[in-house]
Amino acid sequence: MGQVSWIEYIGAVLFFLALVHTFSTKYFVKLATKDSHHTGLWLMLGEVEVVFGFWAFILLAFMAAIGGYESAVEYLDTRNFTEPLFVFVILVIAGTRPILQAVQLLIDKMDKIIPLPGMVSYYFLTLSIVPLLGSFITEPAAMTLAAIILRDRFFSKGIPEAMKYLTIAILLVNVSIGGVLTSYAAPPVLMVASKWGWGLDFMLSMFGWKAALAVFINALAATWLFRKVLLSMDDLNDAYEIGRVPPLVLLVHLSTLILVVIFSHHPVVFMGLFLFFLGYTEAYHRYQSPLMLREGLLVAFFLAGLVVLGGMQKWWLEPILAGMNSATLFFGATGLTAITDNAALTYLGSLVEHLSDASKYALVAGAVTGGGLTVIANAPNPVSFSLLKNTFEHGSINPLMLFLYALPPTIIAGCCFMFL
């Protein structure tokens, strides 16, 4: 490895400060109530989705001040912002009324098969089947759909805070591991699948069935734990219904979603499809709910900031990964994922030469296992924060509480990957 530059050291410090900031957002929200002169600033800094974008701007300001604005622009030109753009587009499309209707119809059909009372089975299916759909419609889409269903059918009904935290923790973990049934839907798998020759058969045999088992265990555990609350909610949700839309409108939405997934690596194509989609929804607005453009832009801003700051962390992350054997690599990857995006982690691991097959498995398994520990651990996680935070006390999600509640489902997922 070459000599580390001063800007890489600064990038590491700013990355650490951004990480601390994500755990301190409640402090800024409280500060907004005490300092009326700068309420807007403190509220902005209290938004989790703003954190990494804010610190990325500071990094770029350092670059421009020391090396000229050309160096900052050149650095931005070398970053790949496809993932933030894709997550923005998929969040907006997946959150529309026709797509939600399609998923609700699927869950309703399965709900009739499961011999459990109304909301008990619906809760279980939302935490299990929808995350597993992420292997086919991508993790961001699955996260969007599950978060909206949970928000509207459960979180908005005054359920206990402990139930909210464990539910969102299991959702994050299950979405992270639920995308590994295929080789294209989970970002950490996507980063290595082509280079290492991992196809559908390999993913199903080595990862898929283990991930599915962990998803069902986590969902079943939460359902059993909160069964009394869920049983008491049956009457509250009898009237819940998503406005029906014509089959042709539903077909257009589903087709657009599928095409965006197919061309997820080609931003020119999927952004063009998205612009057409915006025009279509405006033409048939009577069949639409308000598009989640604000939520999508905030999540994209967060991920773009992570791309900018994450690009400066290779100098210390890569040597750590290279120095681990397969046994320690699994636990190391799980822990490191909590402080850096799991896709970035597997990408850096793919740069390490002569990794054994056991180490490759351990790296990816650890990366997806730890994907629910923090908001930055997995690309779709900010989606759930954006959609669910207002249903929590004080309108924000405590990152430390989330981390603690995410430990049990993370351990279950880790055991399935390590011992099966």
Foldseek 3Di string as FASTA:
>chain_A
DDDADPLLVVLVVLLVVLLVLLQCLVVLCVVLVVDVVPNVVSNQSSQNLCRLLVSLVVSLVVCCVPPNNVRSVVLLVPFDLLLLLLLLLLLLLLQKLLNLQVVVVVQVVVQVVDPDDDQLSSQLCLQAVLLLCLLPLALLSSLNSSLVCCVVQPLLPPDDQVLVLLSLLSSQLLNLLSNQLAQQRFLQSVLCCVVVVPGNVNSNVQRNVLSNVLSNVSSVVSSVVCVVVRVVCPVVCPPDDRDDDDPVVSVLSVVLSNVCSVVSVPSVVNVVSSVVVVVVCVVVVVRIDPGPNVLSVSLSSSVSSLSSSVVSNLVPLLVVLLPDALVVLLVVLLVVLQSHALSSNSNSVSPRPPHDPSNNLSNSLSLSLNRSQFCRSGSSSSSSQSSNQCSHPPSGDNSVSSNVSNVVSSVSSVCSNPPD
